Amino acid sequence: MSDKIIYSTATGDLREKMKNENGRGSRTGTKNDGIVRVRKESKGRGGKTVSAIYGLPLSGKEISDLAAKLKRGCGTGGTVKNNAIIIQGDKIDFLIQFLQHEGFTVKRSGGS
C-alpha cells in the first residue's frame, strides 16, 4: 500500500492538485493563449444548459465583478468556478458581443 495521501477533509481530493502541479494539463482543458472561449454546456447539469466562459486573463475580484456584470446583462444567475464564469441558459451570442465590447478576443468553441 502506498503512503500517499489522496484525500483530505479540509481540501478534498488531492489527486487533481498533484496532476496540475506535475504539469499534466489543466482541469478545464483550455489553452492559455489569450483568447476567451465561450461555449454551451449541459453535461453533468441535469439537462440544464449553461454558457461557460473560459480563458479570461483576470483573477479574484476582477473576474467576480465581470461575472456580476454579465449576470445583470443576461438577467440570469451564474457563478465563478476554477477561473471560469458559468451563466445559466444559452446566452452565447450576448456574451460574445459583451466580451468583445469589453476588449477581449473572443471565440465560440464547442459545436453549435
PDB file of N, CA and C in Angstrom:
ATOM      1  N   MET A   1       0.820  -1.192   0.000  1.00  0.00           N
ATOM      2  CA  MET A   1       0.000   0.000   0.000  1.00  0.00           C
ATOM      3  C   MET A   1       0.859   1.248   0.000  1.00  0.00           C
ATOM      4  N   SER A   2       0.389   2.234  -0.660  1.00  0.00           N
ATOM      5  CA  SER A   2       1.115   3.487  -0.754  1.00  0.00           C
ATOM      6  C   SER A   2       0.791   4.369   0.445  1.00  0.00           C
ATOM      7  N   ASP A   3       1.777   5.167   0.864  1.00  0.00           N
ATOM      8  CA  ASP A   3       1.570   6.078   1.986  1.00  0.00           C
ATOM      9  C   ASP A   3       1.150   7.478   1.522  1.00  0.00           C
ATOM     10  N   LYS A   4       0.868   7.636   0.226  1.00  0.00           N
ATOM     11  CA  LYS A   4       0.442   8.926  -0.285  1.00  0.00           C
ATOM     12  C   LYS A   4      -0.966   9.257   0.176  1.00  0.00           C
ATOM     13  N   ILE A   5      -1.159  10.488   0.618  1.00  0.00           N
ATOM     14  CA  ILE A   5      -2.481  10.950   0.996  1.00  0.00           C
ATOM     15  C   ILE A   5      -3.163  11.451  -0.264  1.00  0.00           C
ATOM     16  N   ILE A   6      -4.360  10.918  -0.556  1.00  0.00           N
ATOM     17  CA  ILE A   6      -5.062  11.339  -1.763  1.00  0.00           C
ATOM     18  C   ILE A   6      -6.346  12.097  -1.457  1.00  0.00           C
ATOM     19  N   TYR A   7      -6.768  12.138  -0.202  1.00  0.00           N
ATOM     20  CA  TYR A   7      -7.983  12.867   0.151  1.00  0.00           C
ATOM     21  C   TYR A   7      -7.810  13.501   1.523  1.00  0.00           C
ATOM     22  N   SER A   8      -8.255  14.724   1.637  1.00  0.00           N
ATOM     23  CA  SER A   8      -8.216  15.433   2.903  1.00  0.00           C
ATOM     24  C   SER A   8      -9.585  16.043   3.137  1.00  0.00           C
ATOM     25  N   THR A   9     -10.103  15.933   4.358  1.00  0.00           N
ATOM     26  CA  THR A   9     -11.410  16.516   4.642  1.00  0.00           C
ATOM     27  C   THR A   9     -11.370  18.033   4.556  1.00  0.00           C
ATOM     28  N   ALA A  10     -10.210  18.621   4.722  1.00  0.00           N
ATOM     29  CA  ALA A  10     -10.091  20.078   4.657  1.00  0.00           C
ATOM     30  C   ALA A  10     -10.050  20.584   3.218  1.00  0.00           C
ATOM     31  N   THR A  11      -9.322  19.880   2.325  1.00  0.00           N
ATOM     32  CA  THR A  11      -9.139  20.384   0.970  1.00  0.00           C
ATOM     33  C   THR A  11      -9.738  19.494  -0.113  1.00  0.00           C
ATOM     34  N   GLY A  12     -10.241  18.330   0.221  1.00  0.00           N
ATOM     35  CA  GLY A  12     -10.871  17.456  -0.768  1.00  0.00           C
ATOM     36  C   GLY A  12      -9.874  16.539  -1.451  1.00  0.00           C
ATOM     37  N   ASP A  13     -10.160  16.214  -2.711  1.00  0.00           N
ATOM     38  CA  ASP A  13      -9.365  15.272  -3.491  1.00  0.00           C
ATOM     39  C   ASP A  13      -8.034  15.905  -3.881  1.00  0.00           C
ATOM     40  N   LEU A  14      -6.942  15.335  -3.430  1.00  0.00           N
ATOM     41  CA  LEU A  14      -5.614  15.884  -3.691  1.00  0.00           C
ATOM     42  C   LEU A  14      -5.009  15.370  -4.996  1.00  0.00           C
ATOM     43  N   ARG A  15      -5.622  14.368  -5.628  1.00  0.00           N
ATOM     44  CA  ARG A  15      -5.066  13.824  -6.863  1.00  0.00           C
ATOM     45  C   ARG A  15      -5.098  14.854  -7.986  1.00  0.00           C
ATOM     46  N   GLU A  16      -6.171  15.638  -8.096  1.00  0.00           N
ATOM     47  CA  GLU A  16      -6.249  16.673  -9.130  1.00  0.00           C
ATOM     48  C   GLU A  16      -5.167  17.726  -8.921  1.00  0.00           C
ATOM     49  N   LYS A  17      -4.938  18.095  -7.671  1.00  0.00           N
ATOM     50  CA  LYS A  17      -3.910  19.096  -7.383  1.00  0.00           C
ATOM     51  C   LYS A  17      -2.537  18.575  -7.752  1.00  0.00           C
ATOM     52  N   MET A  18      -2.287  17.291  -7.501  1.00  0.00           N
ATOM     53  CA  MET A  18      -0.996  16.700  -7.852  1.00  0.00           C
ATOM     54  C   MET A  18      -0.811  16.681  -9.365  1.00  0.00           C
ATOM     55  N   LYS A  19      -1.876  16.381 -10.124  1.00  0.00           N
ATOM     56  CA  LYS A  19      -1.782  16.377 -11.586  1.00  0.00           C
ATOM     57  C   LYS A  19      -1.416  17.762 -12.102  1.00  0.00           C
ATOM     58  N   ASN A  20      -2.085  18.790 -11.578  1.00  0.00           N
ATOM     59  CA  ASN A  20      -1.825  20.148 -12.040  1.00  0.00           C
ATOM     60  C   ASN A  20      -0.428  20.608 -11.661  1.00  0.00           C
ATOM     61  N   GLU A  21       0.070  20.205 -10.505  1.00  0.00           N
ATOM     62  CA  GLU A  21       1.419  20.582 -10.091  1.00  0.00           C
ATOM     63  C   GLU A  21       2.465  19.906 -10.958  1.00  0.00           C
ATOM     64  N   ASN A  22       2.169  18.698 -11.427  1.00  0.00           N
ATOM     65  CA  ASN A  22       3.109  17.968 -12.272  1.00  0.00           C
ATOM     66  C   ASN A  22       3.055  18.425 -13.719  1.00  0.00           C
ATOM     67  N   GLY A  23       2.156  19.343 -14.034  1.00  0.00           N
ATOM     68  CA  GLY A  23       2.080  19.883 -15.377  1.00  0.00           C
ATOM     69  C   GLY A  23       1.309  19.037 -16.362  1.00  0.00           C
ATOM     70  N   ARG A  24       0.468  18.148 -15.886  1.00  0.00           N
ATOM     71  CA  ARG A  24      -0.305  17.305 -16.781  1.00  0.00           C
ATOM     72  C   ARG A  24      -1.669  17.916 -17.070  1.00  0.00           C
ATOM     73  N   GLY A  25      -1.696  19.002 -17.797  1.00  0.00           N
ATOM     74  CA  GLY A  25      -2.949  19.587 -18.261  1.00  0.00           C
ATOM     75  C   GLY A  25      -3.751  20.262 -17.169  1.00  0.00           C
ATOM     76  N   SER A  26      -4.607  21.165 -17.570  1.00  0.00           N
ATOM     77  CA  SER A  26      -5.479  21.828 -16.620  1.00  0.00           C
ATOM     78  C   SER A  26      -6.795  21.083 -16.545  1.00  0.00           C
ATOM     79  N   ARG A  27      -7.522  21.337 -15.515  1.00  0.00           N
ATOM     80  CA  ARG A  27      -8.775  20.633 -15.307  1.00  0.00           C
ATOM     81  C   ARG A  27      -9.798  20.983 -16.381  1.00  0.00           C
ATOM     82  N   THR A  28      -9.859  22.217 -16.825  1.00  0.00           N
ATOM     83  CA  THR A  28     -10.838  22.625 -17.823  1.00  0.00           C
ATOM     84  C   THR A  28     -10.420  22.249 -19.222  1.00  0.00           C
ATOM     85  N   GLY A  29      -9.167  21.921 -19.442  1.00  0.00           N
ATOM     86  CA  GLY A  29      -8.688  21.530 -20.753  1.00  0.00           C
ATOM     87  C   GLY A  29      -8.619  22.681 -21.748  1.00  0.00           C
ATOM     88  N   THR A  30      -8.514  23.907 -21.262  1.00  0.00           N
ATOM     89  CA  THR A  30      -8.463  25.058 -22.160  1.00  0.00           C
ATOM     90  C   THR A  30      -7.028  25.510 -22.355  1.00  0.00           C
ATOM     91  N   LYS A  31      -6.807  26.149 -23.473  1.00  0.00           N
ATOM     92  CA  LYS A  31      -5.482  26.673 -23.785  1.00  0.00           C
ATOM     93  C   LYS A  31      -5.289  28.016 -23.096  1.00  0.00           C
ATOM     94  N   ASN A  32      -4.054  28.375 -22.854  1.00  0.00           N
ATOM     95  CA  ASN A  32      -3.738  29.662 -22.252  1.00  0.00           C
ATOM     96  C   ASN A  32      -3.080  30.534 -23.321  1.00  0.00           C
ATOM     97  N   ASP A  33      -3.875  30.914 -24.337  1.00  0.00           N
ATOM     98  CA  ASP A  33      -3.328  31.662 -25.461  1.00  0.00           C
ATOM     99  C   ASP A  33      -3.879  33.079 -25.577  1.00  0.00           C
ATOM    100  N   GLY A  34      -4.568  33.560 -24.561  1.00  0.00           N
ATOM    101  CA  GLY A  34      -5.087  34.919 -24.580  1.00  0.00           C
ATOM    102  C   GLY A  34      -6.438  35.070 -25.247  1.00  0.00           C
ATOM    103  N   ILE A  35      -7.004  33.980 -25.735  1.00  0.00           N
ATOM    104  CA  ILE A  35      -8.323  34.021 -26.369  1.00  0.00           C
ATOM    105  C   ILE A  35      -9.356  33.520 -25.371  1.00  0.00           C
ATOM    106  N   VAL A  36     -10.414  34.297 -25.191  1.00  0.00           N
ATOM    107  CA  VAL A  36     -11.506  33.909 -24.303  1.00  0.00           C
ATOM    108  C   VAL A  36     -12.444  33.016 -25.103  1.00  0.00           C
ATOM    109  N   ARG A  37     -12.781  31.860 -24.561  1.00  0.00           N
ATOM    110  CA  ARG A  37     -13.649  30.913 -25.255  1.00  0.00           C
ATOM    111  C   ARG A  37     -14.996  30.813 -24.539  1.00  0.00           C
ATOM    112  N   VAL A  38     -16.065  30.880 -25.327  1.00  0.00           N
ATOM    113  CA  VAL A  38     -17.419  30.796 -24.798  1.00  0.00           C
ATOM    114  C   VAL A  38     -18.064  29.566 -25.413  1.00  0.00           C
ATOM    115  N   ARG A  39     -18.645  28.709 -24.579  1.00  0.00           N
ATOM    116  CA  ARG A  39     -19.299  27.522 -25.117  1.00  0.00           C
ATOM    117  C   ARG A  39     -20.531  27.154 -24.305  1.00  0.00           C
ATOM    118  N   LYS A  40     -21.406  26.419 -24.952  1.00  0.00           N
ATOM    119  CA  LYS A  40     -22.631  25.950 -24.324  1.00  0.00           C
ATOM    120  C   LYS A  40     -22.362  24.568 -23.741  1.00  0.00           C
ATOM    121  N   GLU A  41     -22.798  24.344 -22.502  1.00  0.00           N
ATOM    122  CA  GLU A  41     -22.603  23.051 -21.847  1.00  0.00           C
ATOM    123  C   GLU A  41     -23.901  22.597 -21.210  1.00  0.00           C
ATOM    124  N   SER A  42     -24.105  21.279 -21.175  1.00  0.00           N
ATOM    125  CA  SER A  42     -25.244  20.739 -20.443  1.00  0.00           C
ATOM    126  C   SER A  42     -24.890  19.430 -19.750  1.00  0.00           C
ATOM    127  N   LYS A  43     -23.736  18.881 -20.067  1.00  0.00           N
ATOM    128  CA  LYS A  43     -23.322  17.609 -19.484  1.00  0.00           C
ATOM    129  C   LYS A  43     -23.093  17.754 -17.977  1.00  0.00           C
ATOM    130  N   GLY A  44     -23.665  16.855 -17.207  1.00  0.00           N
ATOM    131  CA  GLY A  44     -23.482  16.855 -15.760  1.00  0.00           C
ATOM    132  C   GLY A  44     -24.295  17.909 -15.041  1.00  0.00           C
ATOM    133  N   ARG A  45     -25.288  18.474 -15.724  1.00  0.00           N
ATOM    134  CA  ARG A  45     -26.090  19.537 -15.118  1.00  0.00           C
ATOM    135  C   ARG A  45     -27.576  19.194 -15.146  1.00  0.00           C
ATOM    136  N   GLY A  46     -27.889  17.927 -15.209  1.00  0.00           N
ATOM    137  CA  GLY A  46     -29.280  17.502 -15.195  1.00  0.00           C
ATOM    138  C   GLY A  46     -30.044  17.954 -16.428  1.00  0.00           C
ATOM    139  N   GLY A  47     -29.383  18.101 -17.564  1.00  0.00           N
ATOM    140  CA  GLY A  47     -30.032  18.519 -18.793  1.00  0.00           C
ATOM    141  C   GLY A  47     -30.189  20.019 -18.937  1.00  0.00           C
ATOM    142  N   LYS A  48     -29.852  20.777 -17.914  1.00  0.00           N
ATOM    143  CA  LYS A  48     -29.956  22.237 -17.976  1.00  0.00           C
ATOM    144  C   LYS A  48     -28.771  22.783 -18.777  1.00  0.00           C
ATOM    145  N   THR A  49     -29.035  23.799 -19.567  1.00  0.00           N
ATOM    146  CA  THR A  49     -27.996  24.402 -20.403  1.00  0.00           C
ATOM    147  C   THR A  49     -27.390  25.608 -19.700  1.00  0.00           C
ATOM    148  N   VAL A  50     -26.074  25.715 -19.774  1.00  0.00           N
ATOM    149  CA  VAL A  50     -25.362  26.883 -19.254  1.00  0.00           C
ATOM    150  C   VAL A  50     -24.388  27.371 -20.317  1.00  0.00           C
ATOM    151  N   SER A  51     -23.992  28.617 -20.208  1.00  0.00           N
ATOM    152  CA  SER A  51     -22.962  29.187 -21.070  1.00  0.00           C
ATOM    153  C   SER A  51     -21.709  29.353 -20.219  1.00  0.00           C
ATOM    154  N   ALA A  52     -20.615  28.755 -20.665  1.00  0.00           N
ATOM    155  CA  ALA A  52     -19.373  28.788 -19.893  1.00  0.00           C
ATOM    156  C   ALA A  52     -18.334  29.637 -20.608  1.00  0.00           C
ATOM    157  N   ILE A  53     -17.621  30.438 -19.830  1.00  0.00           N
ATOM    158  CA  ILE A  53     -16.587  31.323 -20.366  1.00  0.00           C
ATOM    159  C   ILE A  53     -15.254  30.904 -19.761  1.00  0.00           C
ATOM    160  N   TYR A  54     -14.312  30.490 -20.613  1.00  0.00           N
ATOM    161  CA  TYR A  54     -13.002  30.027 -20.170  1.00  0.00           C
ATOM    162  C   TYR A  54     -11.906  30.910 -20.747  1.00  0.00           C
ATOM    163  N   GLY A  55     -10.760  30.942 -20.071  1.00  0.00           N
ATOM    164  CA  GLY A  55      -9.581  31.618 -20.591  1.00  0.00           C
ATOM    165  C   GLY A  55      -9.518  33.105 -20.324  1.00  0.00           C
ATOM    166  N   LEU A  56     -10.271  33.587 -19.357  1.00  0.00           N
ATOM    167  CA  LEU A  56     -10.221  35.016 -19.033  1.00  0.00           C
ATOM    168  C   LEU A  56      -8.903  35.357 -18.357  1.00  0.00           C
ATOM    169  N   PRO A  57      -8.225  36.406 -18.804  1.00  0.00           N
ATOM    170  CA  PRO A  57      -6.949  36.786 -18.190  1.00  0.00           C
ATOM    171  C   PRO A  57      -7.161  37.652 -16.945  1.00  0.00           C
ATOM    172  N   LEU A  58      -8.100  37.269 -16.107  1.00  0.00           N
ATOM    173  CA  LEU A  58      -8.434  38.004 -14.890  1.00  0.00           C
ATOM    174  C   LEU A  58      -8.308  37.080 -13.696  1.00  0.00           C
ATOM    175  N   SER A  59      -8.313  37.660 -12.512  1.00  0.00           N
ATOM    176  CA  SER A  59      -8.281  36.834 -11.318  1.00  0.00           C
ATOM    177  C   SER A  59      -9.010  37.540 -10.182  1.00  0.00           C
ATOM    178  N   GLY A  60      -9.416  36.767  -9.211  1.00  0.00           N
ATOM    179  CA  GLY A  60     -10.002  37.305  -7.990  1.00  0.00           C
ATOM    180  C   GLY A  60     -11.188  38.214  -8.193  1.00  0.00           C
ATOM    181  N   LYS A  61     -11.069  39.422  -7.669  1.00  0.00           N
ATOM    182  CA  LYS A  61     -12.173  40.383  -7.684  1.00  0.00           C
ATOM    183  C   LYS A  61     -12.552  40.793  -9.104  1.00  0.00           C
ATOM    184  N   GLU A  62     -11.579  40.893 -10.005  1.00  0.00           N
ATOM    185  CA  GLU A  62     -11.869  41.298 -11.386  1.00  0.00           C
ATOM    186  C   GLU A  62     -12.830  40.330 -12.073  1.00  0.00           C
ATOM    187  N   ILE A  63     -12.578  39.030 -11.900  1.00  0.00           N
ATOM    188  CA  ILE A  63     -13.436  38.036 -12.543  1.00  0.00           C
ATOM    189  C   ILE A  63     -14.819  38.011 -11.888  1.00  0.00           C
ATOM    190  N   SER A  64     -14.871  38.239 -10.576  1.00  0.00           N
ATOM    191  CA  SER A  64     -16.163  38.298  -9.877  1.00  0.00           C
ATOM    192  C   SER A  64     -16.977  39.507 -10.324  1.00  0.00           C
ATOM    193  N   ASP A  65     -16.315  40.642 -10.507  1.00  0.00           N
ATOM    194  CA  ASP A  65     -17.009  41.844 -10.982  1.00  0.00           C
ATOM    195  C   ASP A  65     -17.534  41.653 -12.401  1.00  0.00           C
ATOM    196  N   LEU A  66     -16.721  41.037 -13.269  1.00  0.00           N
ATOM    197  CA  LEU A  66     -17.163  40.774 -14.636  1.00  0.00           C
ATOM    198  C   LEU A  66     -18.343  39.804 -14.637  1.00  0.00           C
ATOM    199  N   ALA A  67     -18.291  38.793 -13.799  1.00  0.00           N
ATOM    200  CA  ALA A  67     -19.395  37.832 -13.706  1.00  0.00           C
ATOM    201  C   ALA A  67     -20.678  38.535 -13.270  1.00  0.00           C
ATOM    202  N   ALA A  68     -20.578  39.460 -12.320  1.00  0.00           N
ATOM    203  CA  ALA A  68     -21.755  40.202 -11.861  1.00  0.00           C
ATOM    204  C   ALA A  68     -22.349  41.038 -12.997  1.00  0.00           C
ATOM    205  N   LYS A  69     -21.490  41.696 -13.796  1.00  0.00           N
ATOM    206  CA  LYS A  69     -21.971  42.482 -14.943  1.00  0.00           C
ATOM    207  C   LYS A  69     -22.680  41.588 -15.954  1.00  0.00           C
ATOM    208  N   LEU A  70     -22.091  40.426 -16.229  1.00  0.00           N
ATOM    209  CA  LEU A  70     -22.671  39.510 -17.200  1.00  0.00           C
ATOM    210  C   LEU A  70     -24.013  38.977 -16.719  1.00  0.00           C
ATOM    211  N   LYS A  71     -24.111  38.643 -15.436  1.00  0.00           N
ATOM    212  CA  LYS A  71     -25.373  38.132 -14.896  1.00  0.00           C
ATOM    213  C   LYS A  71     -26.463  39.191 -14.970  1.00  0.00           C
ATOM    214  N   ARG A  72     -26.110  40.442 -14.650  1.00  0.00           N
ATOM    215  CA  ARG A  72     -27.093  41.538 -14.756  1.00  0.00           C
ATOM    216  C   ARG A  72     -27.527  41.740 -16.202  1.00  0.00           C
ATOM    217  N   GLY A  73     -26.565  41.702 -17.114  1.00  0.00           N
ATOM    218  CA  GLY A  73     -26.871  41.904 -18.531  1.00  0.00           C
ATOM    219  C   GLY A  73     -27.751  40.811 -19.105  1.00  0.00           C
ATOM    220  N   CYS A  74     -27.523  39.572 -18.675  1.00  0.00           N
ATOM    221  CA  CYS A  74     -28.310  38.442 -19.169  1.00  0.00           C
ATOM    222  C   CYS A  74     -29.631  38.305 -18.427  1.00  0.00           C
ATOM    223  N   GLY A  75     -29.710  38.865 -17.219  1.00  0.00           N
ATOM    224  CA  GLY A  75     -30.917  38.711 -16.412  1.00  0.00           C
ATOM    225  C   GLY A  75     -31.057  37.308 -15.848  1.00  0.00           C
ATOM    226  N   THR A  76     -29.928  36.631 -15.630  1.00  0.00           N
ATOM    227  CA  THR A  76     -29.954  35.267 -15.095  1.00  0.00           C
ATOM    228  C   THR A  76     -28.923  35.130 -13.990  1.00  0.00           C
ATOM    229  N   GLY A  77     -28.868  33.960 -13.410  1.00  0.00           N
ATOM    230  CA  GLY A  77     -27.889  33.671 -12.377  1.00  0.00           C
ATOM    231  C   GLY A  77     -26.620  33.108 -12.983  1.00  0.00           C
ATOM    232  N   GLY A  78     -25.654  32.880 -12.129  1.00  0.00           N
ATOM    233  CA  GLY A  78     -24.401  32.309 -12.580  1.00  0.00           C
ATOM    234  C   GLY A  78     -23.421  32.220 -11.433  1.00  0.00           C
ATOM    235  N   THR A  79     -22.213  31.767 -11.729  1.00  0.00           N
ATOM    236  CA  THR A  79     -21.191  31.604 -10.707  1.00  0.00           C
ATOM    237  C   THR A  79     -19.808  31.649 -11.350  1.00  0.00           C
ATOM    238  N   VAL A  80     -18.794  31.692 -10.497  1.00  0.00           N
ATOM    239  CA  VAL A  80     -17.402  31.598 -10.935  1.00  0.00           C
ATOM    240  C   VAL A  80     -16.817  30.338 -10.318  1.00  0.00           C
ATOM    241  N   LYS A  81     -16.294  29.447 -11.155  1.00  0.00           N
ATOM    242  CA  LYS A  81     -15.671  28.215 -10.685  1.00  0.00           C
ATOM    243  C   LYS A  81     -14.378  27.985 -11.455  1.00  0.00           C
ATOM    244  N   ASN A  82     -13.289  27.785 -10.749  1.00  0.00           N
ATOM    245  CA  ASN A  82     -11.985  27.486 -11.369  1.00  0.00           C
ATOM    246  C   ASN A  82     -11.616  28.491 -12.459  1.00  0.00           C
ATOM    247  N   ASN A  83     -11.773  29.785 -12.162  1.00  0.00           N
ATOM    248  CA  ASN A  83     -11.479  30.874 -13.106  1.00  0.00           C
ATOM    249  C   ASN A  83     -12.306  30.796 -14.387  1.00  0.00           C
ATOM    250  N   ALA A  84     -13.470  30.164 -14.318  1.00  0.00           N
ATOM    251  CA  ALA A  84     -14.406  30.134 -15.438  1.00  0.00           C
ATOM    252  C   ALA A  84     -15.720  30.731 -14.940  1.00  0.00           C
ATOM    253  N   ILE A  85     -16.380  31.487 -15.807  1.00  0.00           N
ATOM    254  CA  ILE A  85     -17.676  32.058 -15.453  1.00  0.00           C
ATOM    255  C   ILE A  85     -18.752  31.172 -16.070  1.00  0.00           C
ATOM    256  N   ILE A  86     -19.711  30.751 -15.248  1.00  0.00           N
ATOM    257  CA  ILE A  86     -20.814  29.917 -15.686  1.00  0.00           C
ATOM    258  C   ILE A  86     -22.089  30.751 -15.582  1.00  0.00           C
ATOM    259  N   ILE A  87     -22.771  30.954 -16.703  1.00  0.00           N
ATOM    260  CA  ILE A  87     -24.011  31.727 -16.756  1.00  0.00           C
ATOM    261  C   ILE A  87     -25.151  30.771 -17.106  1.00  0.00           C
ATOM    262  N   GLN A  88     -26.254  30.855 -16.390  1.00  0.00           N
ATOM    263  CA  GLN A  88     -27.396  29.974 -16.646  1.00  0.00           C
ATOM    264  C   GLN A  88     -28.046  30.314 -17.972  1.00  0.00           C
ATOM    265  N   GLY A  89     -28.382  29.285 -18.739  1.00  0.00           N
ATOM    266  CA  GLY A  89     -29.083  29.463 -20.001  1.00  0.00           C
ATOM    267  C   GLY A  89     -28.148  29.574 -21.191  1.00  0.00           C
ATOM    268  N   ASP A  90     -28.748  29.564 -22.380  1.00  0.00           N
ATOM    269  CA  ASP A  90     -27.994  29.669 -23.630  1.00  0.00           C
ATOM    270  C   ASP A  90     -27.910  31.142 -24.019  1.00  0.00           C
ATOM    271  N   LYS A  91     -26.878  31.829 -23.553  1.00  0.00           N
ATOM    272  CA  LYS A  91     -26.694  33.273 -23.768  1.00  0.00           C
ATOM    273  C   LYS A  91     -25.412  33.562 -24.537  1.00  0.00           C
ATOM    274  N   ILE A  92     -24.985  32.628 -25.366  1.00  0.00           N
ATOM    275  CA  ILE A  92     -23.680  32.735 -26.011  1.00  0.00           C
ATOM    276  C   ILE A  92     -23.541  33.990 -26.867  1.00  0.00           C
ATOM    277  N   ASP A  93     -24.538  34.298 -27.682  1.00  0.00           N
ATOM    278  CA  ASP A  93     -24.432  35.460 -28.572  1.00  0.00           C
ATOM    279  C   ASP A  93     -24.269  36.759 -27.778  1.00  0.00           C
ATOM    280  N   PHE A  94     -25.065  36.922 -26.719  1.00  0.00           N
ATOM    281  CA  PHE A  94     -24.946  38.114 -25.884  1.00  0.00           C
ATOM    282  C   PHE A  94     -23.566  38.184 -25.229  1.00  0.00           C
ATOM    283  N   LEU A  95     -23.091  37.048 -24.702  1.00  0.00           N
ATOM    284  CA  LEU A  95     -21.807  37.024 -24.005  1.00  0.00           C
ATOM    285  C   LEU A  95     -20.655  37.381 -24.945  1.00  0.00           C
ATOM    286  N   ILE A  96     -20.690  36.862 -26.164  1.00  0.00           N
ATOM    287  CA  ILE A  96     -19.626  37.158 -27.123  1.00  0.00           C
ATOM    288  C   ILE A  96     -19.596  38.653 -27.439  1.00  0.00           C
ATOM    289  N   GLN A  97     -20.763  39.235 -27.712  1.00  0.00           N
ATOM    290  CA  GLN A  97     -20.817  40.669 -28.014  1.00  0.00           C
ATOM    291  C   GLN A  97     -20.350  41.501 -26.822  1.00  0.00           C
ATOM    292  N   PHE A  98     -20.793  41.140 -25.619  1.00  0.00           N
ATOM    293  CA  PHE A  98     -20.427  41.888 -24.415  1.00  0.00           C
ATOM    294  C   PHE A  98     -18.921  41.837 -24.188  1.00  0.00           C
ATOM    295  N   LEU A  99     -18.337  40.646 -24.288  1.00  0.00           N
ATOM    296  CA  LEU A  99     -16.903  40.491 -24.037  1.00  0.00           C
ATOM    297  C   LEU A  99     -16.061  41.198 -25.098  1.00  0.00           C
ATOM    298  N   GLN A 100     -16.521  41.177 -26.356  1.00  0.00           N
ATOM    299  CA  GLN A 100     -15.804  41.901 -27.403  1.00  0.00           C
ATOM    300  C   GLN A 100     -15.864  43.403 -27.144  1.00  0.00           C
ATOM    301  N   HIS A 101     -16.998  43.880 -26.675  1.00  0.00           N
ATOM    302  CA  HIS A 101     -17.147  45.301 -26.346  1.00  0.00           C
ATOM    303  C   HIS A 101     -16.217  45.689 -25.190  1.00  0.00           C
ATOM    304  N   GLU A 102     -15.959  44.752 -24.280  1.00  0.00           N
ATOM    305  CA  GLU A 102     -15.056  44.988 -23.152  1.00  0.00           C
ATOM    306  C   GLU A 102     -13.586  44.904 -23.567  1.00  0.00           C
ATOM    307  N   GLY A 103     -13.301  44.502 -24.812  1.00  0.00           N
ATOM    308  CA  GLY A 103     -11.940  44.492 -25.316  1.00  0.00           C
ATOM    309  C   GLY A 103     -11.246  43.140 -25.336  1.00  0.00           C
ATOM    310  N   PHE A 104     -11.973  42.056 -25.100  1.00  0.00           N
ATOM    311  CA  PHE A 104     -11.389  40.727 -25.117  1.00  0.00           C
ATOM    312  C   PHE A 104     -11.454  40.146 -26.534  1.00  0.00           C
ATOM    313  N   THR A 105     -10.504  39.269 -26.858  1.00  0.00           N
ATOM    314  CA  THR A 105     -10.562  38.486 -28.089  1.00  0.00           C
ATOM    315  C   THR A 105     -11.374  37.250 -27.750  1.00  0.00           C
ATOM    316  N   VAL A 106     -12.513  37.085 -28.431  1.00  0.00           N
ATOM    317  CA  VAL A 106     -13.469  36.030 -28.045  1.00  0.00           C
ATOM    318  C   VAL A 106     -13.684  35.079 -29.209  1.00  0.00           C
ATOM    319  N   LYS A 107     -13.842  33.797 -28.854  1.00  0.00           N
ATOM    320  CA  LYS A 107     -14.091  32.770 -29.833  1.00  0.00           C
ATOM    321  C   LYS A 107     -15.192  31.850 -29.305  1.00  0.00           C
ATOM    322  N   ARG A 108     -16.121  31.467 -30.187  1.00  0.00           N
ATOM    323  CA  ARG A 108     -17.129  30.468 -29.826  1.00  0.00           C
ATOM    324  C   ARG A 108     -16.460  29.102 -29.951  1.00  0.00           C
ATOM    325  N   SER A 109     -16.606  28.272 -28.947  1.00  0.00           N
ATOM    326  CA  SER A 109     -15.973  26.952 -29.028  1.00  0.00           C
ATOM    327  C   SER A 109     -16.996  25.851 -28.812  1.00  0.00           C
ATOM    328  N   GLY A 110     -16.672  24.685 -29.126  1.00  0.00           N
ATOM    329  CA  GLY A 110     -17.541  23.535 -28.970  1.00  0.00           C
ATOM    330  C   GLY A 110     -18.607  23.472 -30.030  1.00  0.00           C
ATOM    331  N   GLY A 111     -19.014  22.880 -30.813  1.00  0.00           N
ATOM    332  CA  GLY A 111     -20.009  22.839 -31.878  1.00  0.00           C
ATOM    333  C   GLY A 111     -21.102  23.895 -31.772  1.00  0.00           C
ATOM    334  N   SER A 112     -22.203  23.658 -32.346  1.00  0.00           N
ATOM    335  CA  SER A 112     -23.365  24.554 -32.457  1.00  0.00           C
ATOM    336  C   SER A 112     -23.081  25.877 -31.871  1.00  0.00           C
TER     337      SER A 112
END
